[in-house]
Amino acid sequence: MDFDLQNDTLSPVPRRLEHPYDNVPVLDWWKYDYDHVFVVLNPFYRVPGYTPETASFGPMRVSMDPETLMEQIEEGGMPEPLNPAPEGFEDLIKQTGEAVAWSDVAFAIGATDFDRFARTVWLQAIGGEIPEADQDLAARLAEYCERTGLYHPEEDLLPAAMEPVLGRYLAALGQTDVMLWSEWREVSRLAPLETFARENPASGLPGEKLSAVAAPGLLLSWGYDDIAGLLALTDAQRARANPADYFEGYWAGAETTSLVFAPEGAPPPSRRN
């Protein structure tokens, strides 16, 4: 199941590098390439000297109907945040930030149903509609983040706050370098393990989101509106180091799709032949 990082820069994109479709169980999607999938939760984080109110960071959510949104873009573009984060904020997150576990936040706000809590975190992060039954939970989460200066998990990409622990995990696997990939696997670059060291700038790709990290027998991938990565592993890579010792998350089951926080009542997953 090993592959050549350099040769995999060619098209078409092999399935072992693709992010699974929403309605296909991840273990089915990768069953010919990997043996296990660990769902890695992108951490909450704090940055000394900054809060989301003093340094807004990440996608800006606006409440506009499509017609009004198009008019806004035609008249002068999207509105700017009142307190944008300084240039190079990703580097500050990586070099000085503190990753905060979902379980710690859930405990702090008294959330006892972790599935409901996780779904609420996801919906708040992507600007989704919160069910009426979870409005109180969402309010408590928002109040806690504001009061403690806590940033929500980053979405769609490798979070800067996760890079140092990712480097330690890859070192435990014996990796010396990995391939970094864009969302559609059109842009890539080979990166030495030192790239993820805390003292170095945040990793990235020119003009693209860093949406996947690949090595022989391993793929860590984020999809659109994801605040959790999918870590696909062969038996050999899992035996070298347990990702649960490095990341907060859980092992995917037979029904787990890439839309890991899908609302209750979502369509059942489709099987891959």
Protein backbone atom coordinates (compact mmCIF):
# COMPACT_ATOMS: atom_id res chain seq x y z
CA MET A 1 0.00 0.00 0.00
CA ASP A 2 3.02 2.32 -0.03
CA PHE A 3 3.23 4.92 -2.76
CA ASP A 4 5.70 7.33 -4.31
CA LEU A 5 5.09 10.88 -3.08
CA GLN A 6 6.68 12.41 -6.15
CA ASN A 7 4.78 10.31 -8.71
CA ASP A 8 1.46 11.01 -6.98
CA THR A 9 1.73 14.65 -8.08
CA LEU A 10 0.51 13.47 -11.50
CA SER A 11 -3.17 13.42 -12.50
CA PRO A 12 -5.67 11.93 -12.26
CA VAL A 13 -5.74 12.04 -8.47
CA PRO A 14 -5.55 8.49 -7.05
CA ARG A 15 -8.34 7.58 -4.65
CA ARG A 16 -5.86 7.16 -1.78
CA LEU A 17 -5.35 10.95 -1.96
CA GLU A 18 -9.01 11.92 -2.45
CA HIS A 19 -11.27 13.13 0.31
CA PRO A 20 -14.34 10.87 0.64
CA TYR A 21 -17.73 11.92 -0.66
CA ASP A 22 -20.16 12.95 2.08
CA ASN A 23 -22.49 9.96 1.72
CA VAL A 24 -19.89 7.17 1.59
CA PRO A 25 -18.54 5.58 4.80
CA VAL A 26 -14.86 6.51 5.05
CA LEU A 27 -13.78 2.90 5.67
CA ASP A 28 -15.56 1.88 2.46
CA TRP A 29 -14.06 4.77 0.52
CA TRP A 30 -10.50 3.83 1.40
CA LYS A 31 -10.91 0.07 1.86
CA TYR A 32 -8.44 -0.76 -0.93
CA ASP A 33 -5.80 1.70 0.33
CA TYR A 34 -6.05 2.01 4.12
CA ASP A 35 -7.21 -0.16 7.01
CA HIS A 36 -8.24 2.41 9.64
CA VAL A 37 -9.53 5.99 9.88
CA PHE A 38 -9.15 8.19 12.95
CA VAL A 39 -11.29 11.33 13.16
CA VAL A 40 -9.01 14.17 14.34
CA LEU A 41 -10.84 17.09 15.98
CA ASN A 42 -9.38 20.49 15.09
CA PRO A 43 -8.69 22.10 18.48
CA PHE A 44 -10.11 25.23 19.98
CA TYR A 45 -7.27 27.62 20.78
CA ARG A 46 -6.20 30.79 22.57
CA VAL A 47 -3.55 33.29 21.48
CA PRO A 48 -1.83 35.37 24.19
CA GLY A 49 -2.75 39.03 23.86
CA TYR A 50 -5.63 38.45 21.43
CA THR A 51 -9.27 37.39 21.47
CA PRO A 52 -11.82 36.87 18.68
CA GLU A 53 -13.21 40.31 19.58
CA THR A 54 -9.84 42.13 19.27
CA ALA A 55 -8.44 40.03 16.39
CA SER A 56 -11.10 38.45 14.19
CA PHE A 57 -9.67 35.44 12.36
CA GLY A 58 -11.10 32.94 9.92
CA PRO A 59 -14.04 33.09 7.50
CA MET A 60 -16.42 35.99 8.05
CA ARG A 61 -20.08 34.96 8.39
CA VAL A 62 -22.73 37.39 7.18
CA SER A 63 -26.51 37.13 7.43
CA MET A 64 -27.70 38.12 3.97
CA ASP A 65 -30.08 36.65 1.46
CA PRO A 66 -28.43 35.71 -1.87
CA GLU A 67 -29.79 38.78 -3.72
CA THR A 68 -28.51 41.21 -1.09
CA LEU A 69 -25.19 39.39 -0.98
CA MET A 70 -24.71 39.76 -4.75
CA GLU A 71 -25.60 43.46 -4.56
CA GLN A 72 -23.04 43.92 -1.78
CA ILE A 73 -20.32 42.23 -3.85
CA GLU A 74 -21.18 44.30 -6.97
CA GLU A 75 -21.16 47.56 -5.00
CA GLY A 76 -17.79 47.10 -3.39
CA GLY A 77 -17.12 43.66 -2.10
CA MET A 78 -17.77 41.98 1.21
CA PRO A 79 -17.77 43.96 4.45
CA GLU A 80 -14.56 43.83 6.43
CA PRO A 81 -14.43 42.62 10.06
CA LEU A 82 -14.24 45.43 12.60
CA ASN A 83 -11.08 44.08 14.23
CA PRO A 84 -9.17 41.96 11.71
CA ALA A 85 -6.29 39.85 12.97
CA PRO A 86 -2.84 41.22 12.13
CA GLU A 87 -0.96 39.92 9.12
CA GLY A 88 0.79 36.65 9.86
CA PHE A 89 -1.67 35.71 12.62
CA GLU A 90 -1.33 32.05 11.62
CA ASP A 91 2.31 32.22 12.70
CA LEU A 92 1.30 33.64 16.09
CA ILE A 93 -1.23 30.86 16.57
CA LYS A 94 1.36 28.20 15.82
CA GLN A 95 4.24 29.75 17.78
CA THR A 96 2.44 31.10 20.86
CA GLY A 97 -1.08 29.66 20.85
CA GLU A 98 -2.57 27.15 23.28
CA ALA A 99 -4.65 24.31 21.83
CA VAL A 100 -7.76 23.59 23.92
CA ALA A 101 -9.52 20.22 23.84
CA TRP A 102 -13.19 19.90 22.92
CA SER A 103 -13.73 17.77 26.02
CA ASP A 104 -12.44 20.60 28.23
CA VAL A 105 -14.82 23.10 26.63
CA ALA A 106 -17.75 20.67 26.88
CA PHE A 107 -17.03 20.17 30.59
CA ALA A 108 -16.71 23.91 31.19
CA ILE A 109 -20.17 24.67 29.78
CA GLY A 110 -21.87 21.63 31.27
CA ALA A 111 -22.45 19.79 27.98
CA THR A 112 -23.07 16.15 28.88
CA ASP A 113 -24.12 14.87 25.44
CA PHE A 114 -20.89 15.02 23.46
CA ASP A 115 -22.55 14.28 20.09
CA ARG A 116 -24.90 17.24 20.49
CA PHE A 117 -22.04 19.41 21.69
CA ALA A 118 -19.84 18.44 18.72
CA ARG A 119 -22.64 19.11 16.23
CA THR A 120 -23.24 22.52 17.83
CA VAL A 121 -19.54 23.41 17.66
CA TRP A 122 -19.55 22.49 13.97
CA LEU A 123 -22.72 24.44 13.17
CA GLN A 124 -21.45 27.53 14.98
CA ALA A 125 -18.09 27.33 13.22
CA ILE A 126 -19.59 27.09 9.73
CA GLY A 127 -22.48 29.48 10.36
CA GLY A 128 -25.11 26.75 10.14
CA GLU A 129 -28.62 26.80 11.56
CA ILE A 130 -28.77 25.65 15.18
CA PRO A 131 -31.81 23.46 16.02
CA GLU A 132 -34.20 24.98 18.55
CA ALA A 133 -33.41 22.20 21.04
CA ASP A 134 -29.72 23.18 21.01
CA GLN A 135 -30.11 26.97 21.19
CA ASP A 136 -29.29 27.08 24.91
CA LEU A 137 -26.20 24.93 24.39
CA ALA A 138 -25.09 27.19 21.54
CA ALA A 139 -25.60 30.29 23.70
CA ARG A 140 -23.52 28.81 26.52
CA LEU A 141 -20.77 27.90 24.07
CA ALA A 142 -20.72 31.37 22.53
CA GLU A 143 -20.70 33.06 25.94
CA TYR A 144 -17.85 30.87 27.17
CA CYS A 145 -15.72 31.52 24.07
CA GLU A 146 -16.29 35.27 24.36
CA ARG A 147 -15.59 35.36 28.10
CA THR A 148 -12.38 33.31 27.88
CA GLY A 149 -11.00 34.62 24.57
CA LEU A 150 -11.35 31.21 22.94
CA TYR A 151 -11.20 30.83 19.17
CA HIS A 152 -13.35 28.21 17.44
CA PRO A 153 -11.62 25.34 15.60
CA GLU A 154 -10.31 26.32 12.18
CA GLU A 155 -12.12 24.82 9.20
CA ASP A 156 -11.24 23.29 5.82
CA LEU A 157 -7.51 22.97 6.46
CA LEU A 158 -4.62 21.95 8.68
CA PRO A 159 -4.98 24.21 11.75
CA ALA A 160 -1.89 26.15 12.78
CA ALA A 161 -2.61 25.18 16.40
CA MET A 162 -2.30 21.50 15.48
CA GLU A 163 1.01 21.66 13.63
CA PRO A 164 3.41 21.04 16.57
CA VAL A 165 1.57 17.89 17.70
CA LEU A 166 1.30 16.70 14.10
CA GLY A 167 5.08 17.00 13.85
CA ARG A 168 5.53 14.90 16.99
CA TYR A 169 3.14 12.27 15.66
CA LEU A 170 4.91 12.06 12.30
CA ALA A 171 8.26 11.78 14.10
CA ALA A 172 6.86 8.83 16.09
CA LEU A 173 5.98 7.20 12.76
CA GLY A 174 9.55 7.65 11.60
CA GLN A 175 8.68 10.14 8.85
CA THR A 176 11.31 12.62 7.66
CA ASP A 177 9.09 14.43 5.16
CA VAL A 178 5.50 14.51 3.90
CA MET A 179 3.60 15.85 0.91
CA LEU A 180 1.30 18.82 1.48
CA TRP A 181 -1.76 19.03 -0.78
CA SER A 182 -4.39 21.61 -1.70
CA GLU A 183 -8.13 20.91 -1.44
CA TRP A 184 -8.49 19.59 -5.01
CA ARG A 185 -4.98 18.07 -5.02
CA GLU A 186 -3.90 20.43 -7.80
CA VAL A 187 -1.04 22.00 -5.82
CA SER A 188 1.48 20.17 -3.64
CA ARG A 189 4.93 20.44 -2.15
CA LEU A 190 7.28 18.16 -0.29
CA ALA A 191 7.86 19.38 3.28
CA PRO A 192 10.52 18.22 5.75
CA LEU A 193 9.32 17.28 9.22
CA GLU A 194 10.87 20.47 10.64
CA THR A 195 8.13 22.40 8.84
CA PHE A 196 5.76 21.61 11.72
CA ALA A 197 8.10 22.67 14.54
CA ARG A 198 6.51 25.31 16.77
CA GLU A 199 9.24 27.88 16.14
CA ASN A 200 8.69 27.84 12.38
CA PRO A 201 6.02 29.81 10.47
CA ALA A 202 2.66 28.21 9.80
CA SER A 203 2.71 25.77 6.92
CA GLY A 204 0.93 26.57 3.69
CA LEU A 205 0.69 26.32 -0.07
CA PRO A 206 0.93 29.30 -2.45
CA GLY A 207 -2.54 30.64 -3.08
CA GLU A 208 -4.25 27.49 -1.76
CA LYS A 209 -5.59 25.98 1.46
CA LEU A 210 -3.43 23.24 2.95
CA SER A 211 -6.11 20.56 3.04
CA ALA A 212 -4.16 17.29 3.21
CA VAL A 213 -0.92 15.78 4.46
CA ALA A 214 0.26 12.52 2.86
CA ALA A 215 3.00 9.96 3.43
CA PRO A 216 3.30 6.28 2.50
CA GLY A 217 0.43 4.47 4.24
CA LEU A 218 -1.05 7.70 5.63
CA LEU A 219 -3.38 10.52 4.59
CA LEU A 220 -4.72 13.29 6.83
CA SER A 221 -7.42 15.18 4.93
CA TRP A 222 -9.94 17.97 5.54
CA GLY A 223 -12.99 18.64 3.37
CA TYR A 224 -15.08 21.77 2.82
CA ASP A 225 -16.65 23.09 6.04
CA ASP A 226 -14.79 20.45 8.06
CA ILE A 227 -13.48 21.13 11.56
CA ALA A 228 -12.24 17.56 11.85
CA GLY A 229 -9.63 15.82 9.73
CA LEU A 230 -9.76 12.22 8.56
CA LEU A 231 -6.55 10.34 9.30
CA ALA A 232 -6.43 7.23 7.10
CA LEU A 233 -3.83 4.62 8.06
CA THR A 234 -2.55 1.23 7.00
CA ASP A 235 -2.10 -1.48 9.62
CA ALA A 236 1.66 -0.86 9.54
CA GLN A 237 1.33 2.87 10.27
CA ARG A 238 -1.20 2.33 13.03
CA ALA A 239 1.17 -0.14 14.69
CA ARG A 240 3.98 2.43 14.77
CA ALA A 241 2.09 5.03 16.83
CA ASN A 242 -1.46 5.39 18.13
CA PRO A 243 -2.97 8.70 16.93
CA ALA A 244 -5.17 8.76 20.03
CA ASP A 245 -1.99 9.43 22.02
CA TYR A 246 -1.47 12.66 20.05
CA PHE A 247 -4.84 13.96 18.84
CA GLU A 248 -8.28 14.37 20.34
CA GLY A 249 -10.72 12.29 18.32
CA TYR A 250 -12.08 8.79 17.79
CA TRP A 251 -11.86 5.81 15.45
CA ALA A 252 -14.31 5.78 12.55
CA GLY A 253 -16.88 3.01 12.54
CA ALA A 254 -18.57 1.19 9.69
CA GLU A 255 -21.20 3.95 9.30
CA THR A 256 -18.93 7.00 9.73
CA THR A 257 -19.00 9.28 6.70
CA SER A 258 -16.79 12.30 6.04
CA LEU A 259 -19.67 14.47 7.27
CA VAL A 260 -18.85 13.35 10.78
CA PHE A 261 -21.24 15.77 12.52
CA ALA A 262 -24.21 15.09 10.23
CA PRO A 263 -27.53 16.09 11.82
CA GLU A 264 -29.87 13.42 13.10
CA GLY A 265 -32.10 12.15 10.32
CA ALA A 266 -29.46 12.64 7.63
CA PRO A 267 -29.75 10.26 4.65
CA PRO A 268 -28.12 6.85 5.27
CA PRO A 269 -24.65 6.33 3.82
CA SER A 270 -24.15 4.60 0.48
CA ARG A 271 -21.80 1.64 0.17
CA ARG A 272 -18.83 1.48 -2.15
CA ASN A 273 -18.55 -1.65 -4.33
